[in-house]
Amino acid sequence: MDRRKFAFDKTNFLLLAGGMVVIIIGFLLMSGPGSTETTFEPDIFSARRIKVAPVVCFIGFIAMIYGILRKPKG
């Protein structure tokens, strides 16, 4: 197959894979114990779950969008 006919090159795939890894890390940072009907878990309002994890996911989504829109050289 001719390499010029592919829409993505190696760098595009690496950006997509890296973005997906960053998104998964963000979702793992969001996870944790939740509150039930009988107990309240104050950890659901921690800075890690409300501020850090969404920013990490957003950076991963931006990396994936850039990986899709980036034009291969050549």
PDB file of N, CA and C in Angstrom:
ATOM      1  N   MET A   1       0.838  -1.185   0.000  1.00  0.00           N
ATOM      2  CA  MET A   1       0.000   0.000   0.000  1.00  0.00           C
ATOM      3  C   MET A   1       0.882   1.247   0.000  1.00  0.00           C
ATOM      4  N   ASP A   2       0.398   2.239  -0.635  1.00  0.00           N
ATOM      5  CA  ASP A   2       1.125   3.501  -0.736  1.00  0.00           C
ATOM      6  C   ASP A   2       0.898   4.330   0.519  1.00  0.00           C
ATOM      7  N   ARG A   3       1.972   4.778   1.143  1.00  0.00           N
ATOM      8  CA  ARG A   3       1.863   5.548   2.390  1.00  0.00           C
ATOM      9  C   ARG A   3       1.204   6.908   2.182  1.00  0.00           C
ATOM     10  N   ARG A   4       1.246   7.451   0.994  1.00  0.00           N
ATOM     11  CA  ARG A   4       0.655   8.765   0.738  1.00  0.00           C
ATOM     12  C   ARG A   4      -0.869   8.732   0.750  1.00  0.00           C
ATOM     13  N   LYS A   5      -1.473   7.571   0.670  1.00  0.00           N
ATOM     14  CA  LYS A   5      -2.926   7.471   0.646  1.00  0.00           C
ATOM     15  C   LYS A   5      -3.535   7.410   2.047  1.00  0.00           C
ATOM     16  N   PHE A   6      -2.714   7.265   3.075  1.00  0.00           N
ATOM     17  CA  PHE A   6      -3.219   7.230   4.440  1.00  0.00           C
ATOM     18  C   PHE A   6      -3.477   8.653   4.932  1.00  0.00           C
ATOM     19  N   ALA A   7      -4.551   8.823   5.692  1.00  0.00           N
ATOM     20  CA  ALA A   7      -4.875  10.148   6.220  1.00  0.00           C
ATOM     21  C   ALA A   7      -3.990  10.503   7.420  1.00  0.00           C
ATOM     22  N   PHE A   8      -3.549   9.484   8.164  1.00  0.00           N
ATOM     23  CA  PHE A   8      -2.739   9.717   9.359  1.00  0.00           C
ATOM     24  C   PHE A   8      -1.362   9.122   9.173  1.00  0.00           C
ATOM     25  N   ASP A   9      -0.387   9.715   9.863  1.00  0.00           N
ATOM     26  CA  ASP A   9       0.943   9.125   9.907  1.00  0.00           C
ATOM     27  C   ASP A   9       1.211   8.654  11.339  1.00  0.00           C
ATOM     28  N   LYS A  10       2.451   8.257  11.586  1.00  0.00           N
ATOM     29  CA  LYS A  10       2.804   7.703  12.900  1.00  0.00           C
ATOM     30  C   LYS A  10       2.581   8.718  14.019  1.00  0.00           C
ATOM     31  N   THR A  11       2.891   9.987  13.778  1.00  0.00           N
ATOM     32  CA  THR A  11       2.730  11.020  14.800  1.00  0.00           C
ATOM     33  C   THR A  11       1.266  11.213  15.166  1.00  0.00           C
ATOM     34  N   ASN A  12       0.382  11.151  14.169  1.00  0.00           N
ATOM     35  CA  ASN A  12      -1.041  11.276  14.450  1.00  0.00           C
ATOM     36  C   ASN A  12      -1.511  10.150  15.371  1.00  0.00           C
ATOM     37  N   PHE A  13      -1.095   8.936  15.077  1.00  0.00           N
ATOM     38  CA  PHE A  13      -1.502   7.809  15.907  1.00  0.00           C
ATOM     39  C   PHE A  13      -0.923   7.904  17.314  1.00  0.00           C
ATOM     40  N   LEU A  14       0.299   8.402  17.435  1.00  0.00           N
ATOM     41  CA  LEU A  14       0.888   8.576  18.765  1.00  0.00           C
ATOM     42  C   LEU A  14       0.140   9.644  19.562  1.00  0.00           C
ATOM     43  N   LEU A  15      -0.260  10.728  18.905  1.00  0.00           N
ATOM     44  CA  LEU A  15      -1.050  11.765  19.583  1.00  0.00           C
ATOM     45  C   LEU A  15      -2.405  11.221  20.025  1.00  0.00           C
ATOM     46  N   LEU A  16      -3.035  10.424  19.181  1.00  0.00           N
ATOM     47  CA  LEU A  16      -4.328   9.828  19.540  1.00  0.00           C
ATOM     48  C   LEU A  16      -4.184   8.873  20.718  1.00  0.00           C
ATOM     49  N   ALA A  17      -3.152   8.048  20.686  1.00  0.00           N
ATOM     50  CA  ALA A  17      -2.933   7.104  21.782  1.00  0.00           C
ATOM     51  C   ALA A  17      -2.593   7.835  23.077  1.00  0.00           C
ATOM     52  N   GLY A  18      -1.750   8.851  22.984  1.00  0.00           N
ATOM     53  CA  GLY A  18      -1.403   9.620  24.180  1.00  0.00           C
ATOM     54  C   GLY A  18      -2.609  10.337  24.750  1.00  0.00           C
ATOM     55  N   GLY A  19      -3.434  10.913  23.881  1.00  0.00           N
ATOM     56  CA  GLY A  19      -4.654  11.565  24.343  1.00  0.00           C
ATOM     57  C   GLY A  19      -5.592  10.599  25.037  1.00  0.00           C
ATOM     58  N   MET A  20      -5.716   9.398  24.502  1.00  0.00           N
ATOM     59  CA  MET A  20      -6.593   8.393  25.120  1.00  0.00           C
ATOM     60  C   MET A  20      -6.062   7.982  26.490  1.00  0.00           C
ATOM     61  N   VAL A  21      -4.754   7.845  26.609  1.00  0.00           N
ATOM     62  CA  VAL A  21      -4.156   7.497  27.908  1.00  0.00           C
ATOM     63  C   VAL A  21      -4.415   8.604  28.926  1.00  0.00           C
ATOM     64  N   VAL A  22      -4.269   9.858  28.510  1.00  0.00           N
ATOM     65  CA  VAL A  22      -4.503  10.986  29.417  1.00  0.00           C
ATOM     66  C   VAL A  22      -5.976  11.036  29.841  1.00  0.00           C
ATOM     67  N   ILE A  23      -6.891  10.760  28.921  1.00  0.00           N
ATOM     68  CA  ILE A  23      -8.320  10.736  29.263  1.00  0.00           C
ATOM     69  C   ILE A  23      -8.614   9.631  30.267  1.00  0.00           C
ATOM     70  N   ILE A  24      -8.039   8.461  30.063  1.00  0.00           N
ATOM     71  CA  ILE A  24      -8.252   7.352  31.002  1.00  0.00           C
ATOM     72  C   ILE A  24      -7.704   7.713  32.376  1.00  0.00           C
ATOM     73  N   ILE A  25      -6.548   8.364  32.430  1.00  0.00           N
ATOM     74  CA  ILE A  25      -5.991   8.801  33.714  1.00  0.00           C
ATOM     75  C   ILE A  25      -6.933   9.793  34.382  1.00  0.00           C
ATOM     76  N   GLY A  26      -7.507  10.710  33.606  1.00  0.00           N
ATOM     77  CA  GLY A  26      -8.457  11.669  34.161  1.00  0.00           C
ATOM     78  C   GLY A  26      -9.683  10.994  34.754  1.00  0.00           C
ATOM     79  N   PHE A  27     -10.216  10.000  34.055  1.00  0.00           N
ATOM     80  CA  PHE A  27     -11.375   9.289  34.585  1.00  0.00           C
ATOM     81  C   PHE A  27     -11.021   8.475  35.825  1.00  0.00           C
ATOM     82  N   LEU A  28      -9.805   7.937  35.868  1.00  0.00           N
ATOM     83  CA  LEU A  28      -9.377   7.220  37.073  1.00  0.00           C
ATOM     84  C   LEU A  28      -9.237   8.174  38.260  1.00  0.00           C
ATOM     85  N   LEU A  29      -8.793   9.406  37.986  1.00  0.00           N
ATOM     86  CA  LEU A  29      -8.707  10.400  39.060  1.00  0.00           C
ATOM     87  C   LEU A  29     -10.090  10.783  39.572  1.00  0.00           C
ATOM     88  N   MET A  30     -11.098  10.726  38.713  1.00  0.00           N
ATOM     89  CA  MET A  30     -12.467  11.057  39.130  1.00  0.00           C
ATOM     90  C   MET A  30     -13.113   9.958  39.959  1.00  0.00           C
ATOM     91  N   SER A  31     -12.629   8.747  39.829  1.00  0.00           N
ATOM     92  CA  SER A  31     -13.285   7.625  40.503  1.00  0.00           C
ATOM     93  C   SER A  31     -12.994   7.637  42.000  1.00  0.00           C
ATOM     94  N   GLY A  32     -13.821   6.949  42.719  1.00  0.00           N
ATOM     95  CA  GLY A  32     -13.664   6.855  44.168  1.00  0.00           C
ATOM     96  C   GLY A  32     -14.976   6.474  44.814  1.00  0.00           C
ATOM     97  N   PRO A  33     -14.969   6.377  46.117  1.00  0.00           N
ATOM     98  CA  PRO A  33     -16.209   5.982  46.796  1.00  0.00           C
ATOM     99  C   PRO A  33     -17.266   7.072  46.690  1.00  0.00           C
ATOM    100  N   GLY A  34     -18.492   6.652  46.602  1.00  0.00           N
ATOM    101  CA  GLY A  34     -19.604   7.581  46.518  1.00  0.00           C
ATOM    102  C   GLY A  34     -20.439   7.533  47.776  1.00  0.00           C
ATOM    103  N   SER A  35     -21.330   8.480  47.899  1.00  0.00           N
ATOM    104  CA  SER A  35     -22.240   8.517  49.039  1.00  0.00           C
ATOM    105  C   SER A  35     -23.398   7.554  48.798  1.00  0.00           C
ATOM    106  N   THR A  36     -23.915   7.040  49.898  1.00  0.00           N
ATOM    107  CA  THR A  36     -25.101   6.188  49.827  1.00  0.00           C
ATOM    108  C   THR A  36     -26.237   6.868  50.579  1.00  0.00           C
ATOM    109  N   GLU A  37     -27.352   6.195  50.681  1.00  0.00           N
ATOM    110  CA  GLU A  37     -28.491   6.768  51.390  1.00  0.00           C
ATOM    111  C   GLU A  37     -28.235   6.902  52.886  1.00  0.00           C
ATOM    112  N   THR A  38     -27.378   6.039  53.422  1.00  0.00           N
ATOM    113  CA  THR A  38     -27.148   6.050  54.871  1.00  0.00           C
ATOM    114  C   THR A  38     -25.877   6.775  55.285  1.00  0.00           C
ATOM    115  N   THR A  39     -24.903   6.880  54.383  1.00  0.00           N
ATOM    116  CA  THR A  39     -23.639   7.528  54.747  1.00  0.00           C
ATOM    117  C   THR A  39     -23.289   8.617  53.737  1.00  0.00           C
ATOM    118  N   PHE A  40     -22.629   9.653  54.228  1.00  0.00           N
ATOM    119  CA  PHE A  40     -22.164  10.729  53.366  1.00  0.00           C
ATOM    120  C   PHE A  40     -20.655  10.650  53.239  1.00  0.00           C
ATOM    121  N   GLU A  41     -20.168  10.695  52.028  1.00  0.00           N
ATOM    122  CA  GLU A  41     -18.731  10.630  51.768  1.00  0.00           C
ATOM    123  C   GLU A  41     -18.256  12.015  51.355  1.00  0.00           C
ATOM    124  N   PRO A  42     -17.513  12.728  52.218  1.00  0.00           N
ATOM    125  CA  PRO A  42     -17.074  14.083  51.858  1.00  0.00           C
ATOM    126  C   PRO A  42     -16.006  14.112  50.764  1.00  0.00           C
ATOM    127  N   ASP A  43     -15.426  12.961  50.428  1.00  0.00           N
ATOM    128  CA  ASP A  43     -14.382  12.910  49.404  1.00  0.00           C
ATOM    129  C   ASP A  43     -14.937  13.223  48.008  1.00  0.00           C
ATOM    130  N   ILE A  44     -16.251  13.186  47.832  1.00  0.00           N
ATOM    131  CA  ILE A  44     -16.797  13.488  46.504  1.00  0.00           C
ATOM    132  C   ILE A  44     -16.595  14.953  46.136  1.00  0.00           C
ATOM    133  N   PHE A  45     -16.283  15.797  47.109  1.00  0.00           N
ATOM    134  CA  PHE A  45     -16.047  17.205  46.847  1.00  0.00           C
ATOM    135  C   PHE A  45     -14.563  17.568  46.925  1.00  0.00           C
ATOM    136  N   SER A  46     -13.681  16.587  46.788  1.00  0.00           N
ATOM    137  CA  SER A  46     -12.243  16.876  46.868  1.00  0.00           C
ATOM    138  C   SER A  46     -11.778  17.607  45.604  1.00  0.00           C
ATOM    139  N   ALA A  47     -10.690  18.333  45.726  1.00  0.00           N
ATOM    140  CA  ALA A  47     -10.157  19.095  44.589  1.00  0.00           C
ATOM    141  C   ALA A  47      -9.704  18.171  43.464  1.00  0.00           C
ATOM    142  N   ARG A  48      -9.237  16.987  43.818  1.00  0.00           N
ATOM    143  CA  ARG A  48      -8.799  16.035  42.797  1.00  0.00           C
ATOM    144  C   ARG A  48      -9.952  15.626  41.895  1.00  0.00           C
ATOM    145  N   ARG A  49     -11.126  15.404  42.473  1.00  0.00           N
ATOM    146  CA  ARG A  49     -12.267  14.917  41.701  1.00  0.00           C
ATOM    147  C   ARG A  49     -13.034  16.032  41.001  1.00  0.00           C
ATOM    148  N   ILE A  50     -12.980  17.244  41.514  1.00  0.00           N
ATOM    149  CA  ILE A  50     -13.774  18.328  40.945  1.00  0.00           C
ATOM    150  C   ILE A  50     -12.947  19.236  40.039  1.00  0.00           C
ATOM    151  N   LYS A  51     -11.676  19.428  40.336  1.00  0.00           N
ATOM    152  CA  LYS A  51     -10.867  20.378  39.566  1.00  0.00           C
ATOM    153  C   LYS A  51      -9.798  19.699  38.713  1.00  0.00           C
ATOM    154  N   VAL A  52      -9.011  18.824  39.305  1.00  0.00           N
ATOM    155  CA  VAL A  52      -7.852  18.267  38.606  1.00  0.00           C
ATOM    156  C   VAL A  52      -8.274  17.283  37.517  1.00  0.00           C
ATOM    157  N   ALA A  53      -9.134  16.341  37.841  1.00  0.00           N
ATOM    158  CA  ALA A  53      -9.510  15.299  36.886  1.00  0.00           C
ATOM    159  C   ALA A  53     -10.201  15.850  35.639  1.00  0.00           C
ATOM    160  N   PRO A  54     -11.149  16.786  35.747  1.00  0.00           N
ATOM    161  CA  PRO A  54     -11.726  17.332  34.506  1.00  0.00           C
ATOM    162  C   PRO A  54     -10.723  18.081  33.635  1.00  0.00           C
ATOM    163  N   VAL A  55      -9.767  18.760  34.247  1.00  0.00           N
ATOM    164  CA  VAL A  55      -8.736  19.460  33.460  1.00  0.00           C
ATOM    165  C   VAL A  55      -7.857  18.448  32.738  1.00  0.00           C
ATOM    166  N   VAL A  56      -7.514  17.352  33.407  1.00  0.00           N
ATOM    167  CA  VAL A  56      -6.710  16.305  32.780  1.00  0.00           C
ATOM    168  C   VAL A  56      -7.472  15.698  31.601  1.00  0.00           C
ATOM    169  N   CYS A  57      -8.750  15.417  31.777  1.00  0.00           N
ATOM    170  CA  CYS A  57      -9.562  14.885  30.677  1.00  0.00           C
ATOM    171  C   CYS A  57      -9.646  15.876  29.525  1.00  0.00           C
ATOM    172  N   PHE A  58      -9.816  17.150  29.832  1.00  0.00           N
ATOM    173  CA  PHE A  58      -9.900  18.178  28.791  1.00  0.00           C
ATOM    174  C   PHE A  58      -8.604  18.243  27.981  1.00  0.00           C
ATOM    175  N   ILE A  59      -7.473  18.160  28.653  1.00  0.00           N
ATOM    176  CA  ILE A  59      -6.189  18.157  27.950  1.00  0.00           C
ATOM    177  C   ILE A  59      -6.082  16.934  27.041  1.00  0.00           C
ATOM    178  N   GLY A  60      -6.571  15.789  27.522  1.00  0.00           N
ATOM    179  CA  GLY A  60      -6.569  14.589  26.682  1.00  0.00           C
ATOM    180  C   GLY A  60      -7.452  14.735  25.456  1.00  0.00           C
ATOM    181  N   PHE A  61      -8.629  15.345  25.624  1.00  0.00           N
ATOM    182  CA  PHE A  61      -9.507  15.566  24.476  1.00  0.00           C
ATOM    183  C   PHE A  61      -8.883  16.541  23.478  1.00  0.00           C
ATOM    184  N   ILE A  62      -8.217  17.575  23.971  1.00  0.00           N
ATOM    185  CA  ILE A  62      -7.539  18.523  23.083  1.00  0.00           C
ATOM    186  C   ILE A  62      -6.425  17.819  22.309  1.00  0.00           C
ATOM    187  N   ALA A  63      -5.685  16.952  22.973  1.00  0.00           N
ATOM    188  CA  ALA A  63      -4.616  16.208  22.298  1.00  0.00           C
ATOM    189  C   ALA A  63      -5.190  15.304  21.215  1.00  0.00           C
ATOM    190  N   MET A  64      -6.333  14.687  21.483  1.00  0.00           N
ATOM    191  CA  MET A  64      -6.949  13.828  20.472  1.00  0.00           C
ATOM    192  C   MET A  64      -7.471  14.641  19.292  1.00  0.00           C
ATOM    193  N   ILE A  65      -8.063  15.789  19.558  1.00  0.00           N
ATOM    194  CA  ILE A  65      -8.549  16.638  18.472  1.00  0.00           C
ATOM    195  C   ILE A  65      -7.376  17.114  17.614  1.00  0.00           C
ATOM    196  N   TYR A  66      -6.285  17.510  18.262  1.00  0.00           N
ATOM    197  CA  TYR A  66      -5.103  17.922  17.511  1.00  0.00           C
ATOM    198  C   TYR A  66      -4.539  16.754  16.691  1.00  0.00           C
ATOM    199  N   GLY A  67      -4.557  15.547  17.269  1.00  0.00           N
ATOM    200  CA  GLY A  67      -4.079  14.379  16.536  1.00  0.00           C
ATOM    201  C   GLY A  67      -4.921  14.065  15.311  1.00  0.00           C
ATOM    202  N   ILE A  68      -6.202  14.362  15.381  1.00  0.00           N
ATOM    203  CA  ILE A  68      -7.077  14.129  14.239  1.00  0.00           C
ATOM    204  C   ILE A  68      -6.890  15.216  13.175  1.00  0.00           C
ATOM    205  N   LEU A  69      -6.779  16.473  13.608  1.00  0.00           N
ATOM    206  CA  LEU A  69      -6.710  17.586  12.660  1.00  0.00           C
ATOM    207  C   LEU A  69      -5.322  17.836  12.094  1.00  0.00           C
ATOM    208  N   ARG A  70      -4.284  17.299  12.722  1.00  0.00           N
ATOM    209  CA  ARG A  70      -2.920  17.534  12.267  1.00  0.00           C
ATOM    210  C   ARG A  70      -2.715  16.928  10.887  1.00  0.00           C
ATOM    211  N   LYS A  71      -2.179  17.727   9.981  1.00  0.00           N
ATOM    212  CA  LYS A  71      -1.927  17.263   8.611  1.00  0.00           C
ATOM    213  C   LYS A  71      -0.555  16.621   8.546  1.00  0.00           C
ATOM    214  N   PRO A  72      -0.471  15.401   8.045  1.00  0.00           N
ATOM    215  CA  PRO A  72       0.838  14.757   7.921  1.00  0.00           C
ATOM    216  C   PRO A  72       1.740  15.496   6.925  1.00  0.00           C
ATOM    217  N   LYS A  73       3.018  15.502   7.223  1.00  0.00           N
ATOM    218  CA  LYS A  73       3.970  16.164   6.333  1.00  0.00           C
ATOM    219  C   LYS A  73       4.299  15.255   5.170  1.00  0.00           C
ATOM    220  N   GLY A  74       4.563  15.863   4.050  1.00  0.00           N
ATOM    221  CA  GLY A  74       4.994  15.064   2.910  1.00  0.00           C
ATOM    222  C   GLY A  74       4.109  15.068   1.757  1.00  0.00           C
TER     223      GLY A  74
END
